[in-house]
Structure formats: C-alpha cells, structure tokens
PDB file of N, CA and C in Angstrom:
ATOM      1  N   MET A   1       0.880  -0.836  -0.118  1.00  0.00           N
ATOM      2  CA  MET A   1      -0.237  -0.035  -0.101  1.00  0.00           C
ATOM      3  C   MET A   1       0.842   1.327   0.103  1.00  0.00           C
ATOM      4  N   GLN A   2       0.286   1.969  -0.809  1.00  0.00           N
ATOM      5  CA  GLN A   2       1.224   3.323  -0.957  1.00  0.00           C
ATOM      6  C   GLN A   2       0.898   4.176  -0.853  1.00  0.00           C
ATOM      7  N   ILE A   3       0.247   5.258   0.119  1.00  0.00           N
ATOM      8  CA  ILE A   3      -0.764   6.331   0.645  1.00  0.00           C
ATOM      9  C   ILE A   3      -0.376   7.386   0.437  1.00  0.00           C
ATOM     10  N   GLY A   4      -0.419   8.075  -0.296  1.00  0.00           N
ATOM     11  CA  GLY A   4      -0.433   9.345  -0.602  1.00  0.00           C
ATOM     12  C   GLY A   4       0.159  10.038  -1.898  1.00  0.00           C
ATOM     13  N   ASN A   5      -0.716   8.954  -2.861  1.00  0.00           N
ATOM     14  CA  ASN A   5      -0.022   8.805  -4.529  1.00  0.00           C
ATOM     15  C   ASN A   5      -1.226  10.064  -4.989  1.00  0.00           C
ATOM     16  N   PRO A   6      -0.444  10.620  -5.928  1.00  0.00           N
ATOM     17  CA  PRO A   6      -1.292  11.933  -6.263  1.00  0.00           C
ATOM     18  C   PRO A   6      -2.882  11.240  -6.694  1.00  0.00           C
ATOM     19  N   GLY A   7      -3.843  11.341  -6.566  1.00  0.00           N
ATOM     20  CA  GLY A   7      -5.429  11.361  -7.190  1.00  0.00           C
ATOM     21  C   GLY A   7      -5.919  10.038  -5.390  1.00  0.00           C
ATOM     22  N   ASP A   8      -4.882  10.031  -4.635  1.00  0.00           N
ATOM     23  CA  ASP A   8      -5.447   9.026  -3.423  1.00  0.00           C
ATOM     24  C   ASP A   8      -6.017  10.076  -2.410  1.00  0.00           C
ATOM     25  N   PRO A   9      -7.303   9.707  -2.133  1.00  0.00           N
ATOM     26  CA  PRO A   9      -7.826  10.499  -0.841  1.00  0.00           C
ATOM     27  C   PRO A   9      -7.394   9.183   0.415  1.00  0.00           C
ATOM     28  N   GLY A  10      -6.553   9.170   0.584  1.00  0.00           N
ATOM     29  CA  GLY A  10      -6.550   8.270   2.029  1.00  0.00           C
ATOM     30  C   GLY A  10      -5.936   9.024   3.045  1.00  0.00           C
ATOM     31  N   LEU A  11      -4.097   9.548   2.489  1.00  0.00           N
ATOM     32  CA  LEU A  11      -3.822  10.282   3.480  1.00  0.00           C
ATOM     33  C   LEU A  11      -4.375  11.576   4.055  1.00  0.00           C
ATOM     34  N   THR A  12      -5.120  12.100   2.840  1.00  0.00           N
ATOM     35  CA  THR A  12      -5.779  13.629   3.432  1.00  0.00           C
ATOM     36  C   THR A  12      -7.026  13.016   3.928  1.00  0.00           C
ATOM     37  N   SER A  13      -7.669  12.060   4.225  1.00  0.00           N
ATOM     38  CA  SER A  13      -8.625  11.967   4.810  1.00  0.00           C
ATOM     39  C   SER A  13      -8.033  11.400   6.190  1.00  0.00           C
ATOM     40  N   LEU A  14      -7.014  10.905   6.216  1.00  0.00           N
ATOM     41  CA  LEU A  14      -6.210  10.561   7.692  1.00  0.00           C
ATOM     42  C   LEU A  14      -6.119  11.839   8.234  1.00  0.00           C
ATOM     43  N   LEU A  15      -5.260  12.970   7.491  1.00  0.00           N
ATOM     44  CA  LEU A  15      -5.010  13.875   8.067  1.00  0.00           C
ATOM     45  C   LEU A  15      -6.090  15.169   7.954  1.00  0.00           C
ATOM     46  N   SER A  16      -6.592  15.340   7.799  1.00  0.00           N
ATOM     47  CA  SER A  16      -7.825  16.472   7.778  1.00  0.00           C
ATOM     48  C   SER A  16      -8.906  16.424   8.931  1.00  0.00           C
ATOM     49  N   GLY A  17      -8.559  15.516  10.151  1.00  0.00           N
ATOM     50  CA  GLY A  17      -9.294  15.430  11.125  1.00  0.00           C
ATOM     51  C   GLY A  17     -10.992  15.138  11.211  1.00  0.00           C
ATOM     52  N   LYS A  18     -11.453  14.817   9.773  1.00  0.00           N
ATOM     53  CA  LYS A  18     -12.953  15.040   9.728  1.00  0.00           C
ATOM     54  C   LYS A  18     -13.527  13.650   9.648  1.00  0.00           C
ATOM     55  N   GLU A  19     -12.664  12.601   9.491  1.00  0.00           N
ATOM     56  CA  GLU A  19     -12.968  11.218   9.703  1.00  0.00           C
ATOM     57  C   GLU A  19     -12.776  10.277  10.011  1.00  0.00           C
ATOM     58  N   GLY A  20     -11.937  11.445  11.892  1.00  0.00           N
ATOM     59  CA  GLY A  20     -11.902  10.109  12.594  1.00  0.00           C
ATOM     60  C   GLY A  20     -10.468  10.227  12.615  1.00  0.00           C
ATOM     61  N   GLY A  21      -9.344  10.525  11.957  1.00  0.00           N
ATOM     62  CA  GLY A  21      -8.099  10.226  11.571  1.00  0.00           C
ATOM     63  C   GLY A  21      -7.448  10.956  12.954  1.00  0.00           C
ATOM     64  N   ASP A  22      -8.270  12.376  13.389  1.00  0.00           N
ATOM     65  CA  ASP A  22      -7.983  12.687  14.698  1.00  0.00           C
ATOM     66  C   ASP A  22      -7.899  11.718  16.247  1.00  0.00           C
ATOM     67  N   ARG A  23      -8.618  11.016  16.062  1.00  0.00           N
ATOM     68  CA  ARG A  23      -8.536  10.369  17.441  1.00  0.00           C
ATOM     69  C   ARG A  23      -6.963   9.154  16.717  1.00  0.00           C
ATOM     70  N   ILE A  24      -6.812   8.824  15.851  1.00  0.00           N
ATOM     71  CA  ILE A  24      -6.241   7.730  15.034  1.00  0.00           C
ATOM     72  C   ILE A  24      -4.647   7.898  15.589  1.00  0.00           C
ATOM     73  N   VAL A  25      -4.110   8.925  14.977  1.00  0.00           N
ATOM     74  CA  VAL A  25      -3.057   9.788  15.053  1.00  0.00           C
ATOM     75  C   VAL A  25      -2.235   9.536  16.424  1.00  0.00           C
ATOM     76  N   PRO A  26      -1.663   9.435  17.133  1.00  0.00           N
ATOM     77  CA  PRO A  26      -1.316   9.928  18.366  1.00  0.00           C
ATOM     78  C   PRO A  26      -0.684  11.767  18.306  1.00  0.00           C
ATOM     79  N   PRO A  27      -1.355  12.467  19.588  1.00  0.00           N
ATOM     80  CA  PRO A  27      -0.317  13.656  19.318  1.00  0.00           C
ATOM     81  C   PRO A  27       0.982  14.170  18.950  1.00  0.00           C
ATOM     82  N   ALA A  28       1.749  12.670  19.178  1.00  0.00           N
ATOM     83  CA  ALA A  28       3.313  13.598  18.727  1.00  0.00           C
ATOM     84  C   ALA A  28       3.443  13.559  17.300  1.00  0.00           C
ATOM     85  N   TRP A  29       2.810  12.859  16.844  1.00  0.00           N
ATOM     86  CA  TRP A  29       2.965  12.634  15.249  1.00  0.00           C
ATOM     87  C   TRP A  29       1.967  13.679  14.507  1.00  0.00           C
ATOM     88  N   LYS A  30       1.317  14.811  15.345  1.00  0.00           N
ATOM     89  CA  LYS A  30       0.390  15.388  14.485  1.00  0.00           C
ATOM     90  C   LYS A  30       1.787  16.458  14.559  1.00  0.00           C
ATOM     91  N   GLY A  31       1.238  17.381  13.092  1.00  0.00           N
ATOM     92  CA  GLY A  31       2.232  18.068  12.716  1.00  0.00           C
ATOM     93  C   GLY A  31       4.114  17.173  11.770  1.00  0.00           C
ATOM     94  N   ARG A  32       3.878  16.180  12.412  1.00  0.00           N
ATOM     95  CA  ARG A  32       5.115  15.849  11.849  1.00  0.00           C
ATOM     96  C   ARG A  32       4.845  14.641  10.909  1.00  0.00           C
ATOM     97  N   LEU A  33       3.365  13.903  10.867  1.00  0.00           N
ATOM     98  CA  LEU A  33       3.243  13.517   9.381  1.00  0.00           C
ATOM     99  C   LEU A  33       1.789  13.762   8.567  1.00  0.00           C
ATOM    100  N   THR A  34       2.555  14.320   7.606  1.00  0.00           N
ATOM    101  CA  THR A  34       2.299  14.970   6.334  1.00  0.00           C
ATOM    102  C   THR A  34       2.338  14.828   5.277  1.00  0.00           C
ATOM    103  N   VAL A  35       1.159  15.199   4.236  1.00  0.00           N
ATOM    104  CA  VAL A  35       1.858  14.656   2.885  1.00  0.00           C
ATOM    105  C   VAL A  35       2.760  14.370   2.301  1.00  0.00           C
ATOM    106  N   GLY A  36       3.936  15.764   2.500  1.00  0.00           N
ATOM    107  CA  GLY A  36       4.753  15.468   2.351  1.00  0.00           C
ATOM    108  C   GLY A  36       5.587  14.473   2.695  1.00  0.00           C
ATOM    109  N   SER A  37       5.620  14.697   3.768  1.00  0.00           N
ATOM    110  CA  SER A  37       6.540  13.149   4.677  1.00  0.00           C
ATOM    111  C   SER A  37       6.061  12.138   4.299  1.00  0.00           C
ATOM    112  N   ALA A  38       4.970  11.160   4.126  1.00  0.00           N
ATOM    113  CA  ALA A  38       4.605  10.639   4.071  1.00  0.00           C
ATOM    114  C   ALA A  38       4.769   9.957   2.327  1.00  0.00           C
ATOM    115  N   ARG A  39       4.776  11.275   1.373  1.00  0.00           N
ATOM    116  CA  ARG A  39       5.497  10.818   0.226  1.00  0.00           C
ATOM    117  C   ARG A  39       7.019  10.687   0.037  1.00  0.00           C
ATOM    118  N   ALA A  40       7.917  10.911   1.177  1.00  0.00           N
ATOM    119  CA  ALA A  40       9.181  11.534   1.079  1.00  0.00           C
ATOM    120  C   ALA A  40       9.241  10.205   1.875  1.00  0.00           C
ATOM    121  N   ASN A  41       9.413   9.930   2.880  1.00  0.00           N
ATOM    122  CA  ASN A  41       9.808   8.943   3.757  1.00  0.00           C
ATOM    123  C   ASN A  41       8.916   7.230   4.491  1.00  0.00           C
ATOM    124  N   PRO A  42       9.270   6.369   3.988  1.00  0.00           N
ATOM    125  CA  PRO A  42       8.615   4.821   3.340  1.00  0.00           C
ATOM    126  C   PRO A  42       8.366   4.781   4.933  1.00  0.00           C
ATOM    127  N   ALA A  43       8.639   5.127   6.459  1.00  0.00           N
ATOM    128  CA  ALA A  43       8.105   4.904   7.429  1.00  0.00           C
ATOM    129  C   ALA A  43       7.029   5.262   7.797  1.00  0.00           C
ATOM    130  N   ASP A  44       6.924   6.600   7.119  1.00  0.00           N
ATOM    131  CA  ASP A  44       5.478   7.682   7.361  1.00  0.00           C
ATOM    132  C   ASP A  44       4.805   7.424   6.406  1.00  0.00           C
ATOM    133  N   ASN A  45       5.059   7.025   5.457  1.00  0.00           N
ATOM    134  CA  ASN A  45       4.447   6.055   4.371  1.00  0.00           C
ATOM    135  C   ASN A  45       3.864   4.865   4.832  1.00  0.00           C
ATOM    136  N   ILE A  46       4.390   3.562   5.778  1.00  0.00           N
ATOM    137  CA  ILE A  46       3.605   2.813   6.397  1.00  0.00           C
ATOM    138  C   ILE A  46       2.784   3.201   7.554  1.00  0.00           C
ATOM    139  N   ARG A  47       3.513   4.188   8.445  1.00  0.00           N
ATOM    140  CA  ARG A  47       2.680   4.821   9.713  1.00  0.00           C
ATOM    141  C   ARG A  47       1.660   5.301   9.016  1.00  0.00           C
ATOM    142  N   ALA A  48       1.855   5.891   7.768  1.00  0.00           N
ATOM    143  CA  ALA A  48      -0.037   7.201   7.050  1.00  0.00           C
ATOM    144  C   ALA A  48      -1.087   5.593   6.915  1.00  0.00           C
ATOM    145  N   GLY A  49      -0.581   4.650   6.123  1.00  0.00           N
ATOM    146  CA  GLY A  49      -1.414   3.674   5.676  1.00  0.00           C
ATOM    147  C   GLY A  49      -1.546   3.022   6.828  1.00  0.00           C
ATOM    148  N   VAL A  50      -0.814   2.078   7.996  1.00  0.00           N
ATOM    149  CA  VAL A  50      -1.727   1.610   9.050  1.00  0.00           C
ATOM    150  C   VAL A  50      -2.990   2.429   9.852  1.00  0.00           C
ATOM    151  N   GLY A  51      -2.571   3.850   9.661  1.00  0.00           N
ATOM    152  CA  GLY A  51      -3.591   5.080  10.648  1.00  0.00           C
ATOM    153  C   GLY A  51      -4.326   5.211   9.380  1.00  0.00           C
ATOM    154  N   TYR A  52      -4.819   5.127   8.460  1.00  0.00           N
ATOM    155  CA  TYR A  52      -5.723   5.459   7.274  1.00  0.00           C
ATOM    156  C   TYR A  52      -6.650   3.650   7.436  1.00  0.00           C
ATOM    157  N   LEU A  53      -5.949   2.526   7.291  1.00  0.00           N
ATOM    158  CA  LEU A  53      -6.720   1.443   7.776  1.00  0.00           C
ATOM    159  C   LEU A  53      -6.969   1.365   9.028  1.00  0.00           C
ATOM    160  N   LEU A  54      -6.852   1.665  10.385  1.00  0.00           N
ATOM    161  CA  LEU A  54      -7.217   1.796  11.684  1.00  0.00           C
ATOM    162  C   LEU A  54      -8.412   2.728  11.825  1.00  0.00           C
ATOM    163  N   MET A  55      -8.026   3.666  10.484  1.00  0.00           N
ATOM    164  CA  MET A  55      -9.180   4.715  10.620  1.00  0.00           C
ATOM    165  C   MET A  55     -10.686   3.755  10.320  1.00  0.00           C
ATOM    166  N   ARG A  56     -10.292   3.172   8.983  1.00  0.00           N
ATOM    167  CA  ARG A  56     -11.817   2.824   8.279  1.00  0.00           C
ATOM    168  C   ARG A  56     -12.069   2.044   9.399  1.00  0.00           C
ATOM    169  N   MET A  57     -11.596   1.168   9.538  1.00  0.00           N
ATOM    170  CA  MET A  57     -11.875  -0.636  10.528  1.00  0.00           C
ATOM    171  C   MET A  57     -12.573  -0.216  11.670  1.00  0.00           C
ATOM    172  N   THR A  58     -12.297   1.254  12.327  1.00  0.00           N
ATOM    173  CA  THR A  58     -12.732   1.759  13.561  1.00  0.00           C
ATOM    174  C   THR A  58     -14.285   2.125  13.477  1.00  0.00           C
ATOM    175  N   ASN A  59     -15.382   1.606  14.822  1.00  0.00           N
ATOM    176  CA  ASN A  59     -16.424   2.268  14.905  1.00  0.00           C
ATOM    177  C   ASN A  59     -16.618   3.363  15.730  1.00  0.00           C
ATOM    178  N   PHE A  60     -16.817   4.201  15.949  1.00  0.00           N
ATOM    179  CA  PHE A  60     -17.395   5.384  16.609  1.00  0.00           C
ATOM    180  C   PHE A  60     -18.522   5.632  17.538  1.00  0.00           C
ATOM    181  N   ARG A  61     -18.861   6.208  18.183  1.00  0.00           N
ATOM    182  CA  ARG A  61     -19.624   6.141  18.909  1.00  0.00           C
ATOM    183  C   ARG A  61     -20.346   7.401  19.809  1.00  0.00           C
ATOM    184  N   MET A  62     -20.887   7.965  19.690  1.00  0.00           N
ATOM    185  CA  MET A  62     -20.894   9.451  20.622  1.00  0.00           C
ATOM    186  C   MET A  62     -21.219   9.321  21.770  1.00  0.00           C
ATOM    187  N   ASP A  63     -20.999   9.804  22.927  1.00  0.00           N
ATOM    188  CA  ASP A  63     -21.665   9.485  24.269  1.00  0.00           C
ATOM    189  C   ASP A  63     -21.585  10.787  25.016  1.00  0.00           C
ATOM    190  N   THR A  64     -22.898  10.784  25.780  1.00  0.00           N
ATOM    191  CA  THR A  64     -22.900  11.999  27.014  1.00  0.00           C
ATOM    192  C   THR A  64     -22.423  11.288  28.191  1.00  0.00           C
ATOM    193  N   VAL A  65     -21.366  12.907  28.744  1.00  0.00           N
ATOM    194  CA  VAL A  65     -21.055  12.552  30.267  1.00  0.00           C
ATOM    195  C   VAL A  65     -21.405  13.182  30.853  1.00  0.00           C
ATOM    196  N   VAL A  66     -22.287  13.433  31.610  1.00  0.00           N
ATOM    197  CA  VAL A  66     -23.196  14.162  32.439  1.00  0.00           C
ATOM    198  C   VAL A  66     -22.563  15.039  33.605  1.00  0.00           C
ATOM    199  N   ASP A  67     -22.624  16.210  33.401  1.00  0.00           N
ATOM    200  CA  ASP A  67     -21.601  17.494  34.032  1.00  0.00           C
ATOM    201  C   ASP A  67     -22.750  17.561  35.462  1.00  0.00           C
ATOM    202  N   PRO A  68     -21.733  17.028  36.690  1.00  0.00           N
ATOM    203  CA  PRO A  68     -22.495  17.501  37.513  1.00  0.00           C
ATOM    204  C   PRO A  68     -23.001  19.370  37.978  1.00  0.00           C
ATOM    205  N   ASN A  69     -22.124  19.643  37.272  1.00  0.00           N
ATOM    206  CA  ASN A  69     -22.467  21.692  37.603  1.00  0.00           C
ATOM    207  C   ASN A  69     -23.439  21.599  36.434  1.00  0.00           C
ATOM    208  N   ALA A  70     -23.475  21.115  35.495  1.00  0.00           N
ATOM    209  CA  ALA A  70     -24.629  21.196  34.589  1.00  0.00           C
ATOM    210  C   ALA A  70     -26.189  21.523  34.659  1.00  0.00           C
ATOM    211  N   ARG A  71     -26.224  23.030  34.092  1.00  0.00           N
ATOM    212  CA  ARG A  71     -28.244  23.384  34.318  1.00  0.00           C
ATOM    213  C   ARG A  71     -29.061  21.784  34.148  1.00  0.00           C
ATOM    214  N   ILE A  72     -29.882  21.889  34.132  1.00  0.00           N
ATOM    215  CA  ILE A  72     -31.192  21.320  33.209  1.00  0.00           C
ATOM    216  C   ILE A  72     -31.941  22.041  33.390  1.00  0.00           C
ATOM    217  N   GLU A  73     -32.349  21.685  31.526  1.00  0.00           N
ATOM    218  CA  GLU A  73     -33.458  22.231  31.069  1.00  0.00           C
ATOM    219  C   GLU A  73     -34.734  21.350  31.052  1.00  0.00           C
ATOM    220  N   LYS A  74     -35.971  22.112  30.803  1.00  0.00           N
ATOM    221  CA  LYS A  74     -37.091  21.284  30.382  1.00  0.00           C
ATOM    222  C   LYS A  74     -36.888  21.833  29.079  1.00  0.00           C
ATOM    223  N   VAL A  75     -37.501  20.895  28.054  1.00  0.00           N
ATOM    224  CA  VAL A  75     -37.876  20.681  27.054  1.00  0.00           C
ATOM    225  C   VAL A  75     -39.493  20.427  26.426  1.00  0.00           C
ATOM    226  N   THR A  76     -40.058  21.047  26.148  1.00  0.00           N
ATOM    227  CA  THR A  76     -41.588  20.525  25.418  1.00  0.00           C
ATOM    228  C   THR A  76     -41.536  20.215  24.257  1.00  0.00           C
ATOM    229  N   VAL A  77     -42.551  18.830  24.202  1.00  0.00           N
ATOM    230  CA  VAL A  77     -42.392  17.967  23.097  1.00  0.00           C
ATOM    231  C   VAL A  77     -43.818  19.437  21.995  1.00  0.00           C
ATOM    232  N   THR A  78     -42.868  19.252  20.943  1.00  0.00           N
ATOM    233  CA  THR A  78     -43.609  19.499  19.933  1.00  0.00           C
ATOM    234  C   THR A  78     -43.817  18.783  18.524  1.00  0.00           C
ATOM    235  N   ALA A  79     -44.710  19.485  17.946  1.00  0.00           N
ATOM    236  CA  ALA A  79     -44.960  18.760  16.494  1.00  0.00           C
ATOM    237  C   ALA A  79     -43.626  18.385  15.404  1.00  0.00           C
ATOM    238  N   SER A  80     -42.975  19.619  15.685  1.00  0.00           N
ATOM    239  CA  SER A  80     -41.240  19.007  14.856  1.00  0.00           C
ATOM    240  C   SER A  80     -40.729  18.630  16.044  1.00  0.00           C
ATOM    241  N   ASN A  81     -40.722  18.174  17.300  1.00  0.00           N
ATOM    242  CA  ASN A  81     -39.914  18.127  18.044  1.00  0.00           C
ATOM    243  C   ASN A  81     -40.190  16.656  18.970  1.00  0.00           C
ATOM    244  N   ASN A  82     -40.498  15.821  18.044  1.00  0.00           N
ATOM    245  CA  ASN A  82     -41.598  15.100  19.186  1.00  0.00           C
ATOM    246  C   ASN A  82     -40.898  13.394  19.150  1.00  0.00           C
ATOM    247  N   ASN A  83     -39.813  13.138  18.637  1.00  0.00           N
ATOM    248  CA  ASN A  83     -38.948  12.067  19.235  1.00  0.00           C
ATOM    249  C   ASN A  83     -37.321  11.965  19.943  1.00  0.00           C
ATOM    250  N   LEU A  84     -37.573  11.321  20.631  1.00  0.00           N
ATOM    251  CA  LEU A  84     -35.853  11.447  21.575  1.00  0.00           C
ATOM    252  C   LEU A  84     -34.836  11.466  20.794  1.00  0.00           C
ATOM    253  N   TRP A  85     -35.108  10.935  19.474  1.00  0.00           N
ATOM    254  CA  TRP A  85     -33.460  11.570  18.559  1.00  0.00           C
ATOM    255  C   TRP A  85     -33.611  13.076  18.521  1.00  0.00           C
ATOM    256  N   HIS A  86     -34.927  13.605  18.184  1.00  0.00           N
ATOM    257  CA  HIS A  86     -34.585  15.015  17.359  1.00  0.00           C
ATOM    258  C   HIS A  86     -34.391  15.742  18.363  1.00  0.00           C
ATOM    259  N   ILE A  87     -35.369  15.553  19.996  1.00  0.00           N
ATOM    260  CA  ILE A  87     -34.948  16.370  21.129  1.00  0.00           C
ATOM    261  C   ILE A  87     -33.229  16.271  21.248  1.00  0.00           C
ATOM    262  N   ALA A  88     -33.002  14.941  21.362  1.00  0.00           N
ATOM    263  CA  ALA A  88     -31.210  14.617  21.494  1.00  0.00           C
ATOM    264  C   ALA A  88     -30.280  15.440  21.079  1.00  0.00           C
ATOM    265  N   ARG A  89     -30.619  15.721  19.571  1.00  0.00           N
ATOM    266  CA  ARG A  89     -29.618  16.202  18.369  1.00  0.00           C
ATOM    267  C   ARG A  89     -29.803  17.955  18.675  1.00  0.00           C
ATOM    268  N   ASN A  90     -31.407  18.245  18.798  1.00  0.00           N
ATOM    269  CA  ASN A  90     -31.436  19.532  19.658  1.00  0.00           C
ATOM    270  C   ASN A  90     -31.096  20.445  20.497  1.00  0.00           C
ATOM    271  N   THR A  91     -30.918  19.130  21.385  1.00  0.00           N
ATOM    272  CA  THR A  91     -30.094  19.756  22.636  1.00  0.00           C
ATOM    273  C   THR A  91     -29.582  19.476  23.178  1.00  0.00           C
ATOM    274  N   GLY A  92     -27.984  18.831  22.354  1.00  0.00           N
ATOM    275  CA  GLY A  92     -26.950  18.662  22.190  1.00  0.00           C
ATOM    276  C   GLY A  92     -26.613  17.264  23.297  1.00  0.00           C
ATOM    277  N   THR A  93     -27.284  16.314  23.370  1.00  0.00           N
ATOM    278  CA  THR A  93     -27.154  15.125  24.244  1.00  0.00           C
ATOM    279  C   THR A  93     -27.331  14.219  23.652  1.00  0.00           C
ATOM    280  N   THR A  94     -27.306  12.900  24.271  1.00  0.00           N
ATOM    281  CA  THR A  94     -27.941  12.031  23.318  1.00  0.00           C
ATOM    282  C   THR A  94     -29.041  10.696  23.951  1.00  0.00           C
ATOM    283  N   VAL A  95     -29.525  10.310  22.935  1.00  0.00           N
ATOM    284  CA  VAL A  95     -31.286   9.326  23.757  1.00  0.00           C
ATOM    285  C   VAL A  95     -31.174   9.269  25.250  1.00  0.00           C
ATOM    286  N   LYS A  96     -29.854   8.368  24.855  1.00  0.00           N
ATOM    287  CA  LYS A  96     -29.209   7.672  26.562  1.00  0.00           C
ATOM    288  C   LYS A  96     -29.339   8.467  27.264  1.00  0.00           C
ATOM    289  N   ASN A  97     -28.657   9.821  27.131  1.00  0.00           N
ATOM    290  CA  ASN A  97     -28.935  10.556  28.401  1.00  0.00           C
ATOM    291  C   ASN A  97     -30.494  10.677  28.828  1.00  0.00           C
ATOM    292  N   LEU A  98     -30.881  11.070  27.739  1.00  0.00           N
ATOM    293  CA  LEU A  98     -32.871  11.656  28.224  1.00  0.00           C
ATOM    294  C   LEU A  98     -33.698  10.722  28.822  1.00  0.00           C
ATOM    295  N   GLN A  99     -32.625   9.481  28.429  1.00  0.00           N
ATOM    296  CA  GLN A  99     -34.030   8.338  29.138  1.00  0.00           C
ATOM    297  C   GLN A  99     -33.193   7.871  30.337  1.00  0.00           C
ATOM    298  N   SER A 100     -31.586   8.822  30.667  1.00  0.00           N
ATOM    299  CA  SER A 100     -31.496   8.789  32.126  1.00  0.00           C
ATOM    300  C   SER A 100     -32.131   9.456  33.377  1.00  0.00           C
ATOM    301  N   LEU A 101     -32.197  10.900  32.211  1.00  0.00           N
ATOM    302  CA  LEU A 101     -33.024  12.029  32.984  1.00  0.00           C
ATOM    303  C   LEU A 101     -34.495  11.675  33.332  1.00  0.00           C
ATOM    304  N   ASN A 102     -35.122  10.633  32.512  1.00  0.00           N
ATOM    305  CA  ASN A 102     -36.623  10.553  32.081  1.00  0.00           C
ATOM    306  C   ASN A 102     -37.273   9.251  32.411  1.00  0.00           C
ATOM    307  N   PRO A 103     -36.345   8.791  33.525  1.00  0.00           N
ATOM    308  CA  PRO A 103     -37.166   7.118  33.954  1.00  0.00           C
ATOM    309  C   PRO A 103     -38.606   6.929  33.780  1.00  0.00           C
ATOM    310  N   GLY A 104     -38.676   6.009  32.748  1.00  0.00           N
ATOM    311  CA  GLY A 104     -40.087   5.581  32.611  1.00  0.00           C
ATOM    312  C   GLY A 104     -40.707   6.289  31.759  1.00  0.00           C
ATOM    313  N   ILE A 105     -39.944   7.382  30.889  1.00  0.00           N
ATOM    314  CA  ILE A 105     -40.874   7.750  29.327  1.00  0.00           C
ATOM    315  C   ILE A 105     -40.221   7.264  28.210  1.00  0.00           C
ATOM    316  N   THR A 106     -40.950   7.031  27.809  1.00  0.00           N
ATOM    317  CA  THR A 106     -40.813   5.519  26.381  1.00  0.00           C
ATOM    318  C   THR A 106     -41.000   6.164  25.030  1.00  0.00           C
ATOM    319  N   PRO A 107     -40.674   6.413  23.835  1.00  0.00           N
ATOM    320  CA  PRO A 107     -40.847   7.154  22.622  1.00  0.00           C
ATOM    321  C   PRO A 107     -42.293   7.279  22.803  1.00  0.00           C
ATOM    322  N   ALA A 108     -43.019   5.754  22.854  1.00  0.00           N
ATOM    323  CA  ALA A 108     -44.279   5.973  22.219  1.00  0.00           C
ATOM    324  C   ALA A 108     -45.341   6.646  23.618  1.00  0.00           C
ATOM    325  N   GLN A 109     -44.828   6.968  24.706  1.00  0.00           N
ATOM    326  CA  GLN A 109     -45.156   8.083  25.886  1.00  0.00           C
ATOM    327  C   GLN A 109     -45.312   9.431  24.867  1.00  0.00           C
ATOM    328  N   LEU A 110     -44.627   9.805  23.975  1.00  0.00           N
ATOM    329  CA  LEU A 110     -44.178  11.029  24.160  1.00  0.00           C
ATOM    330  C   LEU A 110     -45.109  11.921  23.251  1.00  0.00           C
ATOM    331  N   ASN A 111     -45.535  12.840  23.338  1.00  0.00           N
ATOM    332  CA  ASN A 111     -46.828  13.390  22.691  1.00  0.00           C
ATOM    333  C   ASN A 111     -46.588  15.017  23.178  1.00  0.00           C
ATOM    334  N   THR A 112     -47.089  15.763  22.153  1.00  0.00           N
ATOM    335  CA  THR A 112     -47.202  17.242  22.133  1.00  0.00           C
ATOM    336  C   THR A 112     -47.747  18.094  23.590  1.00  0.00           C
ATOM    337  N   ASN A 113     -46.684  18.873  24.090  1.00  0.00           N
ATOM    338  CA  ASN A 113     -46.965  19.382  25.313  1.00  0.00           C
ATOM    339  C   ASN A 113     -46.447  18.485  26.365  1.00  0.00           C
ATOM    340  N   HIS A 114     -46.084  17.180  25.707  1.00  0.00           N
ATOM    341  CA  HIS A 114     -45.233  16.684  27.150  1.00  0.00           C
ATOM    342  C   HIS A 114     -44.255  17.111  27.439  1.00  0.00           C
ATOM    343  N   CYS A 115     -43.217  17.315  28.735  1.00  0.00           N
ATOM    344  CA  CYS A 115     -42.263  18.210  29.165  1.00  0.00           C
ATOM    345  C   CYS A 115     -40.953  17.111  29.494  1.00  0.00           C
ATOM    346  N   LEU A 116     -40.340  17.167  29.184  1.00  0.00           N
ATOM    347  CA  LEU A 116     -38.560  16.135  29.616  1.00  0.00           C
ATOM    348  C   LEU A 116     -37.959  17.111  30.091  1.00  0.00           C
ATOM    349  N   VAL A 117     -37.065  16.616  30.846  1.00  0.00           N
ATOM    350  CA  VAL A 117     -36.106  17.244  31.788  1.00  0.00           C
ATOM    351  C   VAL A 117     -34.551  16.981  31.129  1.00  0.00           C
TER     352      VAL A 117
END
C-alpha cells in the first residue's frame, strides 16, 4: 500500500481530522506526519497507511458524560420535535442521557406538550 499517491484521497482523509483520523494519529505525530513526509519517507508512508486502515476499521460512538454542575432544562415536546432522537440532537445530548434523566418515559409516551428534563 502506498498512501499519498496523487489522486489517492486516503492520506488527506487521515490528516484532515474530519473522518476520525484525529483519534488515530497520536498527538506527538500531529504536524510531523504530513502529505510531504508520507510521500518522501517510507516509514511515514507505512505509518500513514496503517493509520488510514485503522481509521477505516474503527467504529465511533458518541456518548454524553453528564456534568454534575450542568443546568437541567425542561424541553416541551412539539409536533416538529416529537421524538427522543430529535430532542437529543437539538439539545446537544444523547437519547441515552434523555432516558436516564426521564426514567419511565418511552418513545411511545411522547406527545405534544409533554415535558422532559
């Protein structure tokens, strides 16, 4: 595998930080591993290739860590904001977090004017 050949988007994907490459490339290598170094240095080319493969094979998951000092807000269910996924996305949290803050609430119970914390 020779990552970084002209027209190969793999190296750009790895170094852009938009596809998870920022989670794969160690902080000490940021700035040291570049398009130029991957093309000129065989060891960097191998590092970039392995990093790209790891990035492609990794499954990422977003989760919320509750800040004990966070302010809890009430959200009213509306016709356009009527399921846990939409509410989580619009409030910057996860469905799992909403469910933990609202025990006993199921998606089937959500209706307009219902309030969640």
